[in-house]
Protein backbone atom coordinates (compact mmCIF):
# COMPACT_ATOMS: atom_id res chain seq x y z
CA MET A 1 29.87 -24.95 8.68
CA LYS A 2 26.18 -24.15 9.11
CA ILE A 3 24.57 -21.13 7.58
CA THR A 4 21.02 -19.76 7.20
CA VAL A 5 19.41 -18.16 4.29
CA VAL A 6 16.59 -16.32 4.86
CA GLY A 7 14.14 -16.17 1.74
CA THR A 8 13.35 -18.84 -0.61
CA GLY A 9 12.88 -16.61 -3.98
CA TYR A 10 15.26 -16.83 -6.66
CA VAL A 11 18.60 -15.62 -4.97
CA GLY A 12 17.85 -17.23 -1.89
CA LEU A 13 17.19 -20.83 -2.99
CA VAL A 14 19.77 -20.74 -5.40
CA THR A 15 22.30 -19.50 -3.08
CA GLY A 16 21.20 -22.05 -0.42
CA THR A 17 21.22 -24.80 -2.68
CA CYS A 18 24.70 -24.00 -4.21
CA PHE A 19 26.31 -24.04 -0.83
CA ALA A 20 24.54 -27.38 0.18
CA GLU A 21 26.17 -28.76 -2.93
CA VAL A 22 29.51 -28.07 -1.58
CA GLY A 23 28.95 -29.78 1.74
CA VAL A 24 27.70 -26.83 3.82
CA ASP A 25 24.81 -27.41 6.24
CA VAL A 26 22.29 -24.86 5.03
CA THR A 27 18.83 -24.06 6.20
CA CYS A 28 16.27 -21.85 4.04
CA VAL A 29 13.75 -19.99 5.98
CA ASP A 30 10.42 -18.19 4.61
CA ILE A 31 7.79 -16.92 6.26
CA ASP A 32 5.29 -18.44 3.74
CA GLN A 33 4.19 -21.82 5.16
CA LYS A 34 2.93 -23.07 1.87
CA LYS A 35 6.16 -22.27 -0.04
CA ILE A 36 8.17 -24.18 2.66
CA ASP A 37 5.62 -27.16 2.55
CA ASN A 38 6.08 -27.49 -1.22
CA LEU A 39 10.03 -27.27 -0.85
CA ASN A 40 10.18 -30.11 1.60
CA LYS A 41 7.96 -31.83 -1.15
CA GLY A 42 10.51 -31.05 -3.76
CA ILE A 43 8.00 -28.35 -5.41
CA LEU A 44 10.00 -25.36 -6.49
CA PRO A 45 8.41 -21.79 -6.56
CA ILE A 46 10.79 -20.80 -9.66
CA TYR A 47 11.82 -22.46 -12.85
CA GLU A 48 15.53 -22.55 -13.17
CA PRO A 49 17.61 -25.37 -15.01
CA GLY A 50 19.12 -28.02 -12.97
CA LEU A 51 17.89 -26.54 -9.71
CA GLU A 52 15.16 -29.07 -8.82
CA GLU A 53 17.61 -31.83 -9.18
CA MET A 54 20.13 -30.23 -6.90
CA VAL A 55 17.41 -29.20 -4.47
CA SER A 56 16.24 -33.03 -4.32
CA ARG A 57 19.88 -34.21 -4.06
CA ASN A 58 20.88 -32.20 -1.13
CA THR A 59 17.68 -32.51 0.71
CA GLN A 60 18.21 -36.44 0.59
CA LYS A 61 21.58 -35.74 1.80
CA LYS A 62 20.08 -33.64 4.69
CA ARG A 63 22.61 -30.75 3.78
CA LEU A 64 19.75 -28.67 2.73
CA HIS A 65 16.75 -27.75 4.97
CA PHE A 66 13.51 -25.53 4.72
CA SER A 67 11.70 -23.95 7.64
CA THR A 68 9.56 -21.32 8.68
CA SER A 69 11.45 -20.71 12.09
CA LEU A 70 14.06 -17.90 12.05
CA PRO A 71 14.80 -18.51 15.80
CA GLU A 72 15.52 -22.39 15.43
CA SER A 73 17.62 -21.82 12.06
CA ILE A 74 19.92 -19.02 13.50
CA ARG A 75 20.64 -20.88 16.71
CA GLU A 76 23.68 -22.63 15.54
CA ALA A 77 24.70 -20.78 12.31
CA GLU A 78 27.91 -19.00 11.77
CA VAL A 79 26.83 -16.94 8.92
CA ALA A 80 22.92 -15.64 8.25
CA PHE A 81 22.32 -14.39 4.61
CA ILE A 82 19.35 -11.99 3.91
CA ALA A 83 17.87 -12.59 0.50
CA VAL A 84 14.53 -11.34 0.75
CA GLY A 85 12.71 -9.01 -2.26
CA THR A 86 13.61 -5.22 -2.31
CA PRO A 87 10.62 -4.39 -4.72
CA PRO A 88 10.70 -0.73 -6.13
CA ASP A 89 8.63 1.61 -4.46
CA GLU A 90 6.49 4.09 -6.54
CA ASP A 91 9.55 6.66 -6.61
CA GLY A 92 11.79 4.04 -7.97
CA SER A 93 13.68 3.55 -4.65
CA ALA A 94 14.17 0.02 -3.32
CA ASP A 95 12.00 -1.06 -0.44
CA LEU A 96 14.09 -2.28 2.58
CA LYS A 97 11.39 -3.10 4.69
CA TYR A 98 11.50 -6.89 4.05
CA VAL A 99 15.48 -6.62 4.85
CA LEU A 100 15.37 -4.69 7.77
CA ALA A 101 12.40 -6.95 9.22
CA VAL A 102 14.71 -9.91 8.84
CA ALA A 103 17.62 -8.02 10.39
CA ALA A 104 15.44 -7.12 13.54
CA GLY A 105 14.27 -10.86 13.48
CA ILE A 106 17.88 -11.93 13.74
CA GLY A 107 18.63 -9.38 16.47
CA GLN A 108 15.62 -10.81 18.41
CA HIS A 109 16.74 -14.54 18.55
CA MET A 110 20.56 -14.63 17.99
CA GLN A 111 22.23 -16.39 20.57
CA LYS A 112 26.02 -16.61 19.88
CA PRO A 113 28.32 -14.31 17.33
CA LEU A 114 27.07 -14.18 13.92
CA VAL A 115 28.27 -12.86 10.19
CA VAL A 116 25.03 -11.07 9.04
CA VAL A 117 25.08 -10.87 5.14
CA THR A 118 22.86 -8.88 2.53
CA LYS A 119 22.56 -10.85 -0.20
CA SER A 120 19.50 -8.89 -1.49
CA THR A 121 20.52 -6.26 -3.88
CA VAL A 122 20.52 -3.14 -2.18
CA PRO A 123 21.35 0.69 -2.08
CA VAL A 124 24.54 1.94 -0.54
CA THR A 125 24.07 2.46 3.18
CA THR A 126 21.93 -0.43 3.78
CA ALA A 127 24.27 -2.39 5.83
CA GLU A 128 24.63 0.58 8.13
CA LYS A 129 20.68 0.13 8.39
CA VAL A 130 20.90 -3.40 9.12
CA ARG A 131 23.72 -2.88 11.62
CA LYS A 132 21.47 -0.49 13.75
CA ALA A 133 18.13 -2.73 13.23
CA LEU A 134 20.29 -5.79 14.62
CA GLN A 135 21.68 -3.85 17.42
CA ALA A 136 18.53 -1.99 18.55
CA GLU A 137 17.12 -5.63 18.95
CA LEU A 138 20.00 -6.81 21.12
CA ASP A 139 19.81 -3.75 23.08
CA LYS A 140 16.17 -4.32 23.88
CA ARG A 141 17.22 -7.59 25.08
CA GLY A 142 20.04 -6.83 27.25
CA ALA A 143 22.23 -8.99 25.04
CA LYS A 144 26.10 -8.36 24.48
CA ILE A 145 26.62 -10.71 21.58
CA ASP A 146 29.08 -9.78 18.75
CA PHE A 147 28.02 -9.75 14.95
CA TYR A 148 29.77 -8.60 11.69
CA VAL A 149 27.83 -7.27 8.88
CA ALA A 150 28.69 -7.80 5.35
CA SER A 151 27.55 -7.27 1.89
CA ASN A 152 27.65 -10.15 -0.72
CA PRO A 153 25.98 -9.01 -3.92
CA GLU A 154 24.76 -11.77 -6.23
CA PHE A 155 25.54 -12.01 -10.18
CA LEU A 156 23.19 -14.67 -11.17
CA LYS A 157 21.74 -14.88 -14.69
CA GLU A 158 18.31 -16.19 -14.61
CA GLY A 159 18.66 -19.53 -16.82
CA ALA A 160 22.06 -20.21 -15.89
CA ALA A 161 22.10 -19.22 -12.11
CA ILE A 162 23.87 -22.70 -11.01
CA GLU A 163 26.49 -22.35 -13.55
CA ASP A 164 27.26 -18.60 -12.38
CA PHE A 165 27.31 -19.62 -8.56
CA MET A 166 29.33 -22.72 -8.77
CA LYS A 167 31.84 -21.17 -11.32
CA PRO A 168 31.56 -17.58 -10.74
CA ASP A 169 33.78 -14.99 -12.75
CA ARG A 170 34.08 -13.12 -9.27
CA ILE A 171 32.81 -13.11 -5.85
CA VAL A 172 32.41 -9.72 -4.08
CA VAL A 173 32.35 -9.28 -0.38
CA GLY A 174 32.12 -5.94 1.46
CA THR A 175 33.06 -6.33 5.17
CA ASP A 176 34.93 -3.79 7.66
CA ARG A 177 36.13 -6.64 10.34
CA PRO A 178 39.02 -9.09 9.50
CA GLU A 179 36.74 -11.73 11.61
CA ALA A 180 33.73 -11.31 8.91
CA GLU A 181 36.46 -11.40 6.12
CA GLU A 182 38.06 -14.91 7.54
CA ILE A 183 34.66 -16.19 8.01
CA MET A 184 33.43 -15.40 4.28
CA ARG A 185 36.69 -16.42 2.90
CA LYS A 186 36.49 -19.92 4.72
CA LEU A 187 32.76 -20.18 3.29
CA TYR A 188 33.71 -19.81 -0.17
CA LYS A 189 36.92 -21.73 -0.17
CA PRO A 190 35.27 -24.45 -2.19
CA PHE A 191 34.67 -21.91 -5.20
CA LEU A 192 37.92 -20.78 -5.20
CA LEU A 193 39.64 -23.80 -5.75
CA ASN A 194 39.44 -23.31 -9.40
CA GLY A 195 40.96 -19.97 -9.57
CA HIS A 196 37.66 -18.20 -9.21
CA PRO A 197 38.46 -14.67 -7.74
CA ILE A 198 37.29 -13.35 -4.58
CA ILE A 199 37.21 -9.33 -4.02
CA PHE A 200 37.04 -8.25 -0.60
CA MET A 201 36.20 -4.62 -0.38
CA ASP A 202 34.45 -1.95 1.87
CA ILE A 203 30.97 -2.39 2.32
CA PRO A 204 29.80 0.50 0.63
CA SER A 205 31.77 -0.34 -2.65
CA ALA A 206 30.32 -3.93 -2.60
CA GLU A 207 26.80 -2.56 -2.51
CA MET A 208 27.64 0.09 -5.42
CA THR A 209 29.21 -2.71 -7.56
CA LYS A 210 26.05 -4.65 -7.88
CA TYR A 211 23.98 -1.75 -9.35
CA ALA A 212 26.87 -0.41 -11.28
CA ALA A 213 27.27 -3.91 -12.82
CA ASN A 214 23.47 -4.11 -14.04
CA ALA A 215 23.46 -0.41 -14.94
CA MET A 216 26.37 -0.89 -17.58
CA LEU A 217 24.60 -4.17 -18.79
CA ALA A 218 21.35 -2.19 -19.27
CA THR A 219 23.09 0.38 -20.91
CA LYS A 220 24.69 -1.61 -23.44
CA ILE A 221 21.12 -3.00 -24.10
CA SER A 222 19.46 0.43 -24.62
CA PHE A 223 22.30 1.86 -26.46
CA MET A 224 22.04 -1.15 -28.95
CA ASN A 225 18.44 -0.76 -29.49
CA ASP A 226 18.69 3.00 -30.03
CA VAL A 227 21.46 2.00 -32.66
CA ALA A 228 19.02 -0.54 -34.23
CA ASN A 229 16.12 1.72 -34.42
CA LEU A 230 18.54 4.34 -36.51
CA CYS A 231 19.78 1.44 -38.63
CA GLU A 232 16.41 0.38 -39.68
CA ILE A 233 15.53 4.36 -40.56
CA MET A 234 18.91 4.60 -42.48
CA GLY A 235 18.96 1.33 -44.31
CA ALA A 236 21.54 -0.36 -42.28
CA ASP A 237 21.53 -3.87 -40.92
CA VAL A 238 22.07 -3.84 -37.25
CA ASN A 239 23.15 -7.49 -37.09
CA MET A 240 26.05 -6.28 -39.45
CA VAL A 241 26.81 -3.57 -37.21
CA ARG A 242 26.60 -5.52 -34.00
CA LYS A 243 29.35 -7.89 -35.43
CA GLY A 244 31.40 -5.09 -36.49
CA ILE A 245 31.37 -3.44 -32.79
CA GLY A 246 31.08 -6.62 -30.90
CA SER A 247 34.86 -7.83 -32.56
CA ASP A 248 36.44 -4.69 -30.48
CA GLY A 249 37.87 -6.15 -27.40
CA ARG A 250 36.85 -2.96 -25.42
CA ILE A 251 33.25 -3.41 -26.25
CA GLY A 252 32.78 -7.29 -26.70
CA PRO A 253 29.90 -9.19 -28.19
CA LYS A 254 27.70 -9.53 -25.02
CA PHE A 255 24.54 -7.52 -24.37
CA ILE A 256 24.57 -5.79 -27.64
CA TYR A 257 21.85 -7.96 -29.22
CA PRO A 258 18.90 -5.68 -30.27
CA GLY A 259 15.41 -6.63 -29.11
CA VAL A 260 12.20 -5.63 -27.44
CA GLY A 261 13.79 -4.29 -24.34
CA TYR A 262 15.17 -5.69 -21.33
CA GLY A 263 12.98 -6.93 -18.22
CA GLY A 264 13.34 -9.22 -15.18
CA SER A 265 13.77 -8.86 -11.67
CA CYS A 266 17.09 -7.01 -11.74
CA PHE A 267 17.66 -4.55 -14.49
CA PRO A 268 14.60 -2.38 -14.33
CA LYS A 269 14.48 -2.02 -10.62
CA ASP A 270 18.18 -1.52 -10.17
CA VAL A 271 18.40 1.09 -12.87
CA LYS A 272 15.39 2.83 -11.04
CA ALA A 273 17.11 2.50 -7.59
CA LEU A 274 20.46 3.81 -8.84
CA ILE A 275 18.38 6.86 -10.42
CA LYS A 276 16.78 7.45 -7.04
CA THR A 277 19.80 7.17 -4.99
CA ALA A 278 21.68 9.76 -7.02
CA LYS A 279 18.47 12.31 -6.77
CA GLU A 280 18.66 11.77 -3.03
CA ASN A 281 22.14 12.93 -3.12
CA LYS A 282 21.43 15.77 -5.51
CA TYR A 283 22.80 14.01 -8.41
CA ASP A 284 21.35 13.67 -11.78
CA MET A 285 22.19 10.23 -13.91
CA ARG A 286 21.55 11.52 -17.07
CA ILE A 287 22.84 8.39 -18.98
CA LEU A 288 20.41 6.13 -16.80
CA ASN A 289 17.67 8.31 -17.24
CA ALA A 290 18.11 7.89 -21.02
CA VAL A 291 18.72 4.15 -20.71
CA GLU A 292 15.46 3.69 -19.02
CA GLU A 293 13.76 6.05 -21.26
CA VAL A 294 14.62 3.89 -24.35
CA ASN A 295 13.81 0.64 -22.80
CA GLU A 296 10.15 1.86 -21.91
CA ALA A 297 9.81 3.19 -25.78
CA GLN A 298 11.52 -0.23 -26.91
CA LYS A 299 8.84 -2.48 -25.51
CA GLU A 300 6.49 -0.78 -27.85
CA VAL A 301 8.33 -1.17 -31.11
CA LEU A 302 7.05 -4.48 -31.81
CA PHE A 303 3.42 -3.31 -31.41
CA ASN A 304 4.02 -0.23 -33.52
CA LYS A 305 5.19 -2.50 -36.27
CA VAL A 306 2.17 -4.63 -36.06
CA ARG A 307 -0.32 -1.52 -36.00
CA THR A 308 1.55 0.11 -38.98
CA HIS A 309 1.39 -3.18 -41.28
CA PHE A 310 -2.40 -3.64 -40.57
CA ASN A 311 -3.07 0.10 -41.18
CA ASN A 312 -4.19 1.04 -37.55
CA ASN A 313 -6.83 -1.29 -37.44
CA LEU A 314 -6.41 -4.40 -35.21
CA LYS A 315 -9.83 -4.61 -33.92
CA GLY A 316 -11.07 -8.45 -34.09
CA LYS A 317 -7.59 -9.78 -35.37
CA THR A 318 -5.86 -12.46 -33.71
CA PHE A 319 -2.29 -12.72 -33.17
CA ALA A 320 0.05 -15.83 -32.02
CA LEU A 321 2.61 -14.83 -29.35
CA TRP A 322 5.73 -17.14 -28.83
CA GLY A 323 7.37 -16.09 -25.47
CA LEU A 324 6.33 -14.75 -22.29
CA SER A 325 9.05 -14.72 -19.84
CA PHE A 326 11.39 -11.99 -20.23
CA LYS A 327 14.24 -14.08 -21.70
CA PRO A 328 14.49 -17.93 -22.18
CA LYS A 329 15.24 -20.41 -19.47
CA THR A 330 13.21 -18.99 -17.08
CA ASP A 331 9.49 -18.18 -15.99
CA ASP A 332 10.09 -14.86 -14.69
CA MET A 333 7.93 -12.29 -16.33
CA ARG A 334 8.47 -9.41 -14.14
CA GLU A 335 8.90 -6.11 -16.39
CA ALA A 336 8.86 -8.55 -19.63
CA PRO A 337 8.19 -6.78 -22.83
CA SER A 338 5.37 -9.43 -23.50
CA LEU A 339 3.00 -7.55 -21.00
CA VAL A 340 3.30 -4.35 -22.77
CA ILE A 341 2.85 -5.92 -26.28
CA ILE A 342 -0.25 -7.88 -24.73
CA GLU A 343 -1.78 -4.82 -23.14
CA LYS A 344 -1.08 -2.86 -26.50
CA LEU A 345 -2.93 -5.57 -28.43
CA LEU A 346 -5.59 -5.98 -26.15
CA LYS A 347 -6.50 -2.27 -26.08
CA ALA A 348 -6.52 -2.04 -29.82
CA GLY A 349 -9.22 -4.64 -29.86
CA ALA A 350 -6.96 -7.78 -30.79
CA ASN A 351 -7.15 -11.24 -29.45
CA VAL A 352 -4.03 -12.89 -28.29
CA VAL A 353 -3.00 -16.68 -28.20
CA ALA A 354 0.20 -17.37 -26.48
CA TYR A 355 2.81 -20.01 -26.04
CA ASP A 356 5.91 -20.38 -23.72
CA PRO A 357 7.72 -23.37 -22.63
CA VAL A 358 7.50 -22.68 -18.92
CA ALA A 359 5.78 -19.23 -18.31
CA MET A 360 2.49 -19.66 -18.89
CA HIS A 361 1.41 -20.38 -15.30
CA GLU A 362 3.01 -17.54 -14.34
CA ALA A 363 1.20 -15.54 -17.07
CA GLN A 364 -2.13 -16.99 -15.72
CA ARG A 365 -1.30 -15.57 -12.42
CA MET A 366 -0.21 -12.16 -13.47
CA ILE A 367 -2.82 -11.39 -16.31
CA GLY A 368 -5.51 -14.20 -15.93
CA ASP A 369 -7.61 -15.08 -19.11
CA THR A 370 -7.27 -11.85 -20.95
CA ILE A 371 -5.45 -13.91 -23.48
CA SER A 372 -5.80 -17.39 -24.48
CA TYR A 373 -2.91 -19.98 -24.10
CA SER A 374 -1.63 -22.99 -25.88
CA THR A 375 0.26 -25.57 -24.76
CA ASP A 376 1.51 -26.36 -28.63
CA MET A 377 3.45 -23.56 -30.25
CA TYR A 378 1.99 -24.25 -33.64
CA ASP A 379 -1.61 -24.49 -32.24
CA THR A 380 -1.16 -20.76 -31.46
CA LEU A 381 -1.01 -20.16 -35.14
CA ASN A 382 -4.75 -21.70 -35.98
CA ASN A 383 -6.78 -18.59 -37.68
CA SER A 384 -4.16 -16.08 -36.24
CA ASP A 385 -3.29 -13.24 -38.74
CA ALA A 386 0.28 -12.89 -37.66
CA LEU A 387 3.05 -14.43 -35.48
CA LEU A 388 4.88 -12.18 -32.76
CA ILE A 389 7.94 -13.72 -31.55
CA VAL A 390 8.82 -11.95 -28.44
CA THR A 391 11.43 -14.40 -26.48
CA GLU A 392 14.26 -16.30 -28.09
CA TRP A 393 13.42 -19.66 -26.81
CA PRO A 394 15.91 -22.37 -28.69
CA GLU A 395 12.69 -24.24 -29.87
CA PHE A 396 11.64 -21.25 -31.97
CA ARG A 397 14.68 -20.92 -34.08
CA SER A 398 14.06 -23.46 -36.64
CA PRO A 399 10.43 -24.07 -36.78
CA ASP A 400 8.31 -26.00 -39.73
CA PHE A 401 7.68 -23.09 -42.05
CA GLU A 402 5.34 -25.14 -44.07
CA GLN A 403 3.19 -25.47 -40.58
CA LEU A 404 3.47 -21.67 -40.19
CA SER A 405 2.25 -21.06 -43.87
CA LYS A 406 -0.71 -23.94 -43.46
CA ARG A 407 -2.05 -22.36 -40.15
CA LEU A 408 -1.57 -18.49 -40.30
CA ASN A 409 -4.00 -16.47 -42.09
CA SER A 410 -1.65 -14.57 -43.72
CA LYS A 411 2.25 -15.06 -44.01
CA VAL A 412 3.23 -12.19 -41.65
CA ILE A 413 6.15 -12.60 -38.75
CA PHE A 414 6.99 -9.72 -36.29
CA ASP A 415 10.21 -10.86 -34.92
CA GLY A 416 11.04 -9.20 -31.78
CA ARG A 417 14.44 -11.30 -31.28
CA ASN A 418 15.85 -11.49 -34.98
CA ILE A 419 16.15 -14.99 -34.93
CA PHE A 420 15.35 -15.51 -38.38
CA ASP A 421 17.26 -14.32 -41.48
CA HIS A 422 15.15 -11.77 -43.11
CA LYS A 423 16.57 -12.47 -46.64
CA ASP A 424 15.61 -16.51 -46.09
CA MET A 425 12.04 -15.24 -44.94
CA LYS A 426 11.45 -12.95 -48.11
CA GLU A 427 12.68 -15.79 -50.23
CA LEU A 428 9.70 -18.18 -48.18
CA GLY A 429 7.41 -15.39 -49.06
CA TYR A 430 6.87 -13.95 -45.61
CA ASP A 431 6.09 -10.34 -44.47
CA TYR A 432 8.66 -10.35 -42.17
CA TYR A 433 9.57 -7.48 -39.62
CA CYS A 434 12.46 -7.59 -37.26
CA ILE A 435 14.55 -4.96 -35.12
CA GLY A 436 17.12 -2.78 -36.77
CA ILE A 437 16.62 -4.04 -40.55
CA LYS A 438 14.60 -2.45 -43.07
CA THR A 439 12.94 -5.32 -44.39
CA ASN A 440 9.55 -3.80 -45.98
């Protein structure tokens, strides 16, 4: 089977590469010539564990191709995935201009029957807009070519995307024609051999499923952060509370870790888009409004602890910051809590020296040289007045505390991910601040 994936960002590149891994002939298309040139050289635009090796292997086996030509790419394809960005507009709604531009382009150039699949996260009714955009271009050409529209939302966790795609806990496909269902079932057959379920449903339900899933996970995070803040006030230990409620099978242990708020490319924009969709249909998503409000406030919690410790005087002080990406195993800094913390520190007159295993180039692209960067986590500590831990990279979990003591101006740690035990830190003589535990 031959397929085309339009868009070589996070979703498109992972999707195309994983299909190629199971023997599908895949062409990934992007209008960015430099990005395509780099991909043909084996240079990836994103960091994702294991992806570079998989891209290289399938490119060498000539199952994975990269091109800027949509007409050539869809000529023989049976399925065309739309996997371009849907950034939030100023009002929070998903911007569909790139999705609809691709749909129009497909309509202009398709030569044979085709299943057109929205892989991008899109609001309910988008498939109908894609259908109309395609049909309008075919009508302009006077071409009578059958096509089918489907929705196939992605459920990929950054840092574990390959595992999620190759061994999915579910595959959701929205269709309204049996012909499209048959083709999609055939395409996904290699992923079903080990019992992974494929769930077919109507297209609006598939589109809503993605938003509902992300909104539920975001709700768990914000709820736990709210609980953590109350625990700290009341003298309870949020880690104990988390274990206590996480053992309840109806709740579970996932996504109830307190921290400095969620970020990334999915939760923030999808929560906003779902709220906006509801408003457009005269419904108020009261819980999600609160989820978003809690999350925005949570990104300031660590900074507020810093400001309180230093008696509202941060001018001229230097802070070491470990972690820039919104979570480990990715270089994604979209909506990252680190950006809010850095902005607050700089506005208060402080200096920041940061280290992240993979995200420093992305940080430089986004915020430039407003802060300093170090290629060694311990070098960030030199002449710093405190350490802030913002992302829970594994290498931060068991540091050399002797190095920390020698290099920091004072033994102060603000742990935004609760990776250390507060009792251990007290025994080591640190002023230690974390989330959801009253330590000072």
